[in-house]
Amino acid sequence: MTEFSLDFPRAYGELNASAIFRDQPEDFKVDEDLGFEPLGTGEHVFLQILKRGENTAWVAGKIAELAKVNINDVGYAGRKDRHAVTTQWFSVYMPKGIEPDWILLNSDTIYVIRVARHQQKLRRGDHRQNYFVIRLRDLQTDSRPVLEQKIHQVLTLGVPNYFGEQRFGFNGNNLIEADAILVGGKRYKDKQKRGLMLSAGRSYLFNQVLAVRVVAGNWCDLVSGDPEPQSSGPLWGRGRSLASDELLAFEQTVLADWQQWCDGLEHAGLSQERRPLRLLPANAQWRWIENDLELSFSLAAGEFATAVLRELAQLTNRSQDSLIELE
C-alpha cells in the first residue's frame, strides 16, 4: 500500500516552539462572512447559526429534520470544525408552506442568530472569508524574540498555501481511497464521497508542486509561464495545463511520478484550474495572554488556518477526532 507523507516543508525554517492546540472549543473560534446580504425574499431560508462542539453536517441534519425536508435541500458554504465555536450560514429550500419555529433548534450547543430569505441555495465556497481567533495554550519556546519575529514574518509576508491535513482525512485515508479510484478503478455509489476523495488527490498533487517550490525558495516568485498575476500551482483536471514555458516544464517534472493520478483526474471530468501558492492572512493581530499565544486573522474561502499555525509551533492537538476542513 502506498504511503503518503503529510510532512510538507516549511518556509520559515525549523520550529522553536510547541503549544497545546484546541484544548477546548473556545480555543478555536471561526466566524463565517458570506460577503453578501440575503435579499429578504426567495425560495430559500437562510439561517445564521452559532454552534459549539458540533459539526456542520450534524447541524444540517437537525435543520432538515425540523423543516421536514430532504438533507439535500439544506446547503452551506463551508464545513466548520466540530471542536470549535463557530458561526455559519445554512440555507433550506422551502418555496411553499409554513416555516417551522426555528428557535426549536436552540440547545446548549446551537443558537439561531438570524433568519432571512434568499433566492439561491448556499453551495460550497459561496462565502467570502472566515475570521479566526485561535488560542495556543502553554506555549513553550527557546526564544520569545525569535518566535515573535517569525510571527511577524508569517502574518505580514504570508505562508505556503498548502491544503491542510484535514483535506486528506485521518492518517491520510482519503489519499488511499483516491489512489483506489484513480489507479485501481474503484467505484463509488456515493457521488459526494467520491468527489471528496478526488478532491483530496487533486489537493495532494498541488501540495507536491508547492513543496518543491518551498524547498527551492521561490514559492512567492512569479515564474515565466504562470497564467496568474501571482505565483500559482496546478489543480489538475481535463484539458491542457494553463501553465506554459518554464513553469509548465517544471510542473510536468514534479508530477511525472503521478501521471496515473493526473490521467485519472482528467477522466473524472475535473477541469484544469490554478491556486495561489501564497496565503496572506488579512486583518492579522496577535498577543500574549500569560503563556498562551492568541492569533486572529481572516482567510478567504478554501484557505486553511493550519497552514498558518504549522509555521509557528509544533502543536499537540487535543482533538484528534476533529478533522473537518475549515473553508
Protein backbone atom coordinates (compact mmCIF):
# COMPACT_ATOMS: atom_id res chain seq x y z
CA MET A 1 0.00 0.00 0.00
CA THR A 2 1.30 3.44 -0.94
CA GLU A 3 2.30 5.68 1.98
CA PHE A 4 1.57 9.38 1.72
CA SER A 5 3.72 11.85 3.61
CA LEU A 6 1.86 14.83 5.02
CA ASP A 7 5.00 16.44 6.42
CA PHE A 8 5.45 19.22 3.88
CA PRO A 9 8.46 21.57 4.10
CA ARG A 10 8.09 24.84 5.99
CA ALA A 11 9.03 28.23 4.59
CA TYR A 12 10.47 29.75 7.76
CA GLY A 13 12.81 27.03 8.97
CA GLU A 14 12.77 24.73 11.96
CA LEU A 15 10.25 25.24 14.73
CA ASN A 16 11.49 26.57 18.06
CA ALA A 17 8.14 26.46 19.84
CA SER A 18 5.46 23.99 20.94
CA ALA A 19 1.92 24.51 22.21
CA ILE A 20 -1.38 22.82 23.01
CA PHE A 21 -3.94 23.20 20.24
CA ARG A 22 -7.75 23.05 20.67
CA ASP A 23 -7.71 22.19 24.35
CA GLN A 24 -11.34 23.40 24.46
CA PRO A 25 -13.79 24.61 21.80
CA GLU A 26 -13.30 28.27 22.77
CA ASP A 27 -9.65 28.00 21.71
CA PHE A 28 -10.76 27.87 18.05
CA LYS A 29 -13.35 30.48 17.08
CA VAL A 30 -14.48 30.88 13.50
CA ASP A 31 -16.95 33.43 12.11
CA GLU A 32 -18.11 32.96 8.52
CA ASP A 33 -18.54 36.06 6.36
CA LEU A 34 -20.79 35.46 3.36
CA GLY A 35 -19.74 38.68 1.69
CA PHE A 36 -23.33 39.49 0.78
CA GLU A 37 -26.66 40.11 2.48
CA PRO A 38 -29.64 37.77 1.99
CA LEU A 39 -32.14 39.57 -0.22
CA GLY A 40 -35.07 39.09 2.15
CA THR A 41 -37.16 37.24 -0.44
CA GLY A 42 -36.81 33.96 -2.30
CA GLU A 43 -37.39 30.21 -2.07
CA HIS A 44 -34.55 29.54 0.38
CA VAL A 45 -34.50 30.28 4.11
CA PHE A 46 -31.07 31.38 5.35
CA LEU A 47 -30.16 30.58 8.97
CA GLN A 48 -27.14 32.06 10.70
CA ILE A 49 -26.22 29.66 13.50
CA LEU A 50 -23.76 29.73 16.38
CA LYS A 51 -22.59 26.25 17.32
CA ARG A 52 -20.21 24.84 19.92
CA GLY A 53 -18.77 21.33 19.72
CA GLU A 54 -20.96 20.28 16.78
CA ASN A 55 -20.01 19.61 13.18
CA THR A 56 -21.65 21.17 10.16
CA ALA A 57 -23.19 18.00 8.72
CA TRP A 58 -24.88 17.15 12.04
CA VAL A 59 -26.41 20.63 12.29
CA ALA A 60 -27.60 20.39 8.67
CA GLY A 61 -29.31 17.12 9.59
CA LYS A 62 -31.09 18.75 12.54
CA ILE A 63 -32.28 21.56 10.26
CA ALA A 64 -33.61 19.08 7.69
CA GLU A 65 -35.38 17.13 10.43
CA LEU A 66 -37.10 20.23 11.85
CA ALA A 67 -38.05 21.57 8.40
CA LYS A 68 -39.18 18.11 7.22
CA VAL A 69 -37.10 18.36 4.04
CA ASN A 70 -34.54 16.13 2.36
CA ILE A 71 -30.99 16.66 3.60
CA ASN A 72 -30.03 17.63 0.03
CA ASP A 73 -32.32 20.67 0.39
CA VAL A 74 -30.04 22.05 3.10
CA GLY A 75 -26.97 23.93 1.90
CA TYR A 76 -23.92 25.54 3.47
CA ALA A 77 -20.87 27.36 2.15
CA GLY A 78 -18.19 25.53 4.10
CA ARG A 79 -17.69 22.76 6.63
CA LYS A 80 -16.65 24.05 10.04
CA ASP A 81 -14.69 22.15 12.64
CA ARG A 82 -16.53 20.30 15.37
CA HIS A 83 -14.13 21.11 18.21
CA ALA A 84 -14.65 24.86 17.93
CA VAL A 85 -17.07 27.71 18.47
CA THR A 86 -18.27 28.84 15.06
CA THR A 87 -20.90 30.92 13.34
CA GLN A 88 -22.00 29.95 9.85
CA TRP A 89 -24.93 30.18 7.44
CA PHE A 90 -27.21 27.39 6.26
CA SER A 91 -29.87 27.51 3.55
CA VAL A 92 -33.12 25.50 3.45
CA TYR A 93 -35.19 25.09 0.29
CA MET A 94 -38.74 25.97 1.35
CA PRO A 95 -40.63 27.53 -1.58
CA LYS A 96 -44.07 26.85 -0.10
CA GLY A 97 -45.70 26.14 3.21
CA ILE A 98 -45.29 27.49 6.71
CA GLU A 99 -41.81 27.68 8.15
CA PRO A 100 -41.17 25.83 11.41
CA ASP A 101 -40.29 27.68 14.58
CA TRP A 102 -36.53 27.86 14.02
CA ILE A 103 -35.97 28.63 17.71
CA LEU A 104 -36.68 24.94 18.31
CA LEU A 105 -33.15 24.30 17.02
CA ASN A 106 -31.71 26.09 20.04
CA SER A 107 -29.91 23.96 22.62
CA ASP A 108 -26.84 24.07 24.82
CA THR A 109 -24.69 23.79 21.67
CA ILE A 110 -26.76 25.51 18.93
CA TYR A 111 -28.21 29.01 18.77
CA VAL A 112 -30.10 30.58 15.87
CA ILE A 113 -28.79 34.13 15.43
CA ARG A 114 -30.67 35.26 12.35
CA VAL A 115 -33.26 34.12 9.79
CA ALA A 116 -33.73 35.65 6.32
CA ARG A 117 -34.90 34.68 2.84
CA HIS A 118 -32.74 34.46 -0.29
CA GLN A 119 -33.12 33.36 -3.92
CA GLN A 120 -30.30 30.81 -4.22
CA LYS A 121 -29.10 27.78 -2.27
CA LEU A 122 -25.82 28.08 -0.40
CA ARG A 123 -23.11 25.97 -2.03
CA ARG A 124 -19.52 25.14 -1.15
CA GLY A 125 -17.27 28.18 -1.45
CA ASP A 126 -20.09 30.73 -1.69
CA HIS A 127 -18.75 32.66 1.30
CA ARG A 128 -16.09 35.37 1.08
CA GLN A 129 -13.94 34.59 4.11
CA ASN A 130 -13.63 33.17 7.61
CA TYR A 131 -12.41 35.17 10.61
CA PHE A 132 -10.39 33.14 13.12
CA VAL A 133 -9.45 33.73 16.76
CA ILE A 134 -7.10 30.95 17.85
CA ARG A 135 -5.51 30.40 21.24
CA LEU A 136 -2.38 28.26 21.53
CA ARG A 137 -2.04 27.25 25.16
CA ASP A 138 1.07 26.78 27.31
CA LEU A 139 3.38 27.85 24.51
CA GLN A 140 7.00 26.82 25.13
CA THR A 141 9.84 28.35 23.14
CA ASP A 142 13.64 28.61 23.24
CA SER A 143 13.40 32.33 22.49
CA ARG A 144 10.37 34.59 22.51
CA PRO A 145 12.11 37.28 20.44
CA VAL A 146 12.92 34.74 17.71
CA LEU A 147 9.34 33.43 17.75
CA GLU A 148 7.89 36.95 17.69
CA GLN A 149 10.00 37.78 14.65
CA LYS A 150 8.65 34.65 12.93
CA ILE A 151 5.06 35.61 13.85
CA HIS A 152 5.63 39.00 12.23
CA GLN A 153 7.01 37.37 9.06
CA VAL A 154 4.18 34.85 8.82
CA LEU A 155 1.42 37.42 9.29
CA THR A 156 2.91 40.08 7.01
CA LEU A 157 4.62 38.03 4.27
CA GLY A 158 2.30 35.03 4.20
CA VAL A 159 2.83 31.27 4.20
CA PRO A 160 2.75 28.44 1.64
CA ASN A 161 -0.89 27.90 0.71
CA TYR A 162 -0.92 24.18 1.47
CA PHE A 163 -4.14 22.25 1.66
CA GLY A 164 -4.39 21.26 5.33
CA GLU A 165 -4.15 17.70 6.58
CA GLN A 166 -7.90 17.86 7.21
CA ARG A 167 -8.40 17.56 3.45
CA PHE A 168 -6.59 14.20 3.44
CA GLY A 169 -8.51 12.50 6.24
CA PHE A 170 -7.31 10.71 9.35
CA ASN A 171 -3.81 9.29 8.70
CA GLY A 172 -4.21 10.22 5.03
CA ASN A 173 -7.03 7.71 4.47
CA ASN A 174 -8.66 9.91 1.83
CA LEU A 175 -5.50 9.61 -0.27
CA ILE A 176 -5.62 5.83 -0.07
CA GLU A 177 -9.17 6.00 -1.36
CA ALA A 178 -8.17 8.50 -4.06
CA ASP A 179 -5.48 6.09 -5.24
CA ALA A 180 -8.02 3.26 -5.32
CA ILE A 181 -10.27 5.36 -7.57
CA LEU A 182 -7.62 6.93 -9.82
CA VAL A 183 -5.35 3.90 -10.21
CA GLY A 184 -7.43 0.91 -9.14
CA GLY A 185 -10.68 1.95 -10.79
CA LYS A 186 -12.72 1.67 -7.58
CA ARG A 187 -16.34 2.75 -7.99
CA TYR A 188 -18.41 4.77 -5.53
CA LYS A 189 -22.20 4.87 -5.35
CA ASP A 190 -21.98 7.91 -3.09
CA LYS A 191 -21.08 10.69 -5.55
CA GLN A 192 -20.41 13.22 -2.79
CA LYS A 193 -17.93 10.93 -1.05
CA ARG A 194 -16.27 10.11 -4.36
CA GLY A 195 -15.92 13.83 -5.02
CA LEU A 196 -14.25 14.35 -1.63
CA MET A 197 -11.73 11.59 -2.36
CA LEU A 198 -10.92 13.03 -5.79
CA SER A 199 -10.55 16.49 -4.26
CA ALA A 200 -8.09 15.05 -1.74
CA GLY A 201 -6.00 13.55 -4.54
CA ARG A 202 -6.03 16.76 -6.55
CA SER A 203 -5.05 18.76 -3.47
CA TYR A 204 -2.16 16.40 -2.73
CA LEU A 205 -0.71 16.95 -6.21
CA PHE A 206 -0.90 20.72 -5.64
CA ASN A 207 0.93 20.31 -2.33
CA GLN A 208 3.65 18.27 -4.07
CA VAL A 209 4.33 21.11 -6.51
CA LEU A 210 4.24 23.74 -3.76
CA ALA A 211 6.58 21.70 -1.54
CA VAL A 212 9.28 21.65 -4.24
CA ARG A 213 8.89 25.42 -4.71
CA VAL A 214 9.24 25.94 -0.93
CA VAL A 215 12.46 23.91 -0.84
CA ALA A 216 13.78 25.91 -3.82
CA GLY A 217 12.88 29.14 -2.01
CA ASN A 218 10.89 30.56 -4.94
CA TRP A 219 7.33 29.83 -3.83
CA CYS A 220 6.49 33.53 -3.84
CA ASP A 221 8.26 34.30 -7.11
CA LEU A 222 6.46 34.66 -10.42
CA VAL A 223 7.96 32.16 -12.88
CA SER A 224 7.82 32.51 -16.65
CA GLY A 225 4.70 30.79 -17.96
CA ASP A 226 2.46 31.42 -14.95
CA PRO A 227 -1.01 32.46 -16.19
CA GLU A 228 -1.80 34.21 -12.92
CA PRO A 229 -0.53 37.63 -11.74
CA GLN A 230 0.92 35.88 -8.68
CA SER A 231 2.73 32.58 -8.17
CA SER A 232 0.30 29.69 -8.63
CA GLY A 233 0.17 25.91 -8.80
CA PRO A 234 -1.99 23.37 -10.65
CA LEU A 235 -5.31 21.92 -9.64
CA TRP A 236 -5.23 19.07 -12.10
CA GLY A 237 -8.01 18.20 -14.47
CA ARG A 238 -9.14 17.88 -18.07
CA GLY A 239 -7.53 19.96 -20.82
CA ARG A 240 -4.13 21.48 -21.39
CA SER A 241 -2.21 22.82 -18.44
CA LEU A 242 -2.81 26.53 -18.00
CA ALA A 243 0.92 26.99 -17.37
CA SER A 244 3.49 27.35 -20.17
CA ASP A 245 7.22 27.80 -20.80
CA GLU A 246 9.49 27.34 -17.77
CA LEU A 247 6.67 26.75 -15.29
CA LEU A 248 5.00 24.08 -17.43
CA ALA A 249 8.26 22.14 -17.76
CA PHE A 250 8.84 22.37 -14.01
CA GLU A 251 5.35 21.16 -13.04
CA GLN A 252 5.48 18.30 -15.54
CA THR A 253 8.75 17.16 -13.96
CA VAL A 254 7.38 17.31 -10.42
CA LEU A 255 4.23 15.37 -11.36
CA ALA A 256 5.90 12.83 -13.63
CA ASP A 257 5.62 10.10 -10.98
CA TRP A 258 1.93 10.94 -10.52
CA GLN A 259 0.88 10.55 -14.13
CA GLN A 260 -1.76 7.92 -13.33
CA TRP A 261 -3.38 10.32 -10.88
CA CYS A 262 -3.28 13.13 -13.43
CA ASP A 263 -4.85 10.89 -16.07
CA GLY A 264 -7.49 9.72 -13.61
CA LEU A 265 -8.43 13.27 -12.63
CA GLU A 266 -8.79 14.22 -16.29
CA HIS A 267 -11.11 11.26 -16.93
CA ALA A 268 -13.10 12.13 -13.79
CA GLY A 269 -14.26 15.30 -15.55
CA LEU A 270 -12.44 17.89 -13.46
CA SER A 271 -11.11 20.92 -15.34
CA GLN A 272 -7.67 22.49 -15.12
CA GLU A 273 -7.53 25.29 -12.55
CA ARG A 274 -4.87 27.24 -10.66
CA ARG A 275 -4.46 28.06 -6.95
CA PRO A 276 -2.18 30.74 -5.43
CA LEU A 277 0.98 29.39 -3.82
CA ARG A 278 0.96 32.07 -1.14
CA LEU A 279 -1.62 32.52 1.60
CA LEU A 280 -1.61 36.01 3.09
CA PRO A 281 -3.76 36.41 6.24
CA ALA A 282 -5.82 39.59 6.42
CA ASN A 283 -6.69 41.66 9.50
CA ALA A 284 -3.92 39.84 11.38
CA GLN A 285 -3.17 40.51 15.04
CA TRP A 286 -1.54 38.63 17.89
CA ARG A 287 -0.96 38.97 21.61
CA TRP A 288 0.36 37.09 24.62
CA ILE A 289 -2.08 36.06 27.36
CA GLU A 290 0.41 34.97 30.03
CA ASN A 291 1.95 31.81 28.46
CA ASP A 292 -0.74 31.49 25.77
CA LEU A 293 -0.50 32.98 22.28
CA GLU A 294 -3.69 34.35 20.71
CA LEU A 295 -3.80 34.88 16.95
CA SER A 296 -6.58 36.46 14.93
CA PHE A 297 -6.82 36.76 11.14
CA SER A 298 -9.13 36.38 8.15
CA LEU A 299 -8.72 33.80 5.38
CA ALA A 300 -10.51 33.55 2.06
CA ALA A 301 -12.72 30.57 1.26
CA GLY A 302 -10.61 27.48 0.59
CA GLU A 303 -7.65 28.61 2.73
CA PHE A 304 -6.59 26.67 5.82
CA ALA A 305 -5.77 28.13 9.24
CA THR A 306 -3.48 25.16 9.85
CA ALA A 307 -1.21 26.40 7.04
CA VAL A 308 -0.51 29.45 9.20
CA LEU A 309 -0.15 27.62 12.51
CA ARG A 310 2.25 24.96 11.20
CA GLU A 311 4.87 27.62 10.51
CA LEU A 312 4.86 28.81 14.14
CA ALA A 313 4.84 25.88 16.54
CA GLN A 314 4.72 22.13 16.96
CA LEU A 315 1.14 21.57 18.07
CA THR A 316 -0.28 18.92 20.37
CA ASN A 317 -3.85 18.60 19.14
CA ARG A 318 -6.21 17.73 21.99
CA SER A 319 -8.95 16.96 19.49
CA GLN A 320 -7.55 14.41 17.04
CA ASP A 321 -11.06 13.38 16.02
CA SER A 322 -11.61 16.87 14.66
CA LEU A 323 -10.50 16.60 11.05
CA ILE A 324 -13.15 18.53 9.17
CA GLU A 325 -11.68 21.14 6.91
CA LEU A 326 -12.32 24.79 7.62
CA GLU A 327 -13.13 26.62 4.42
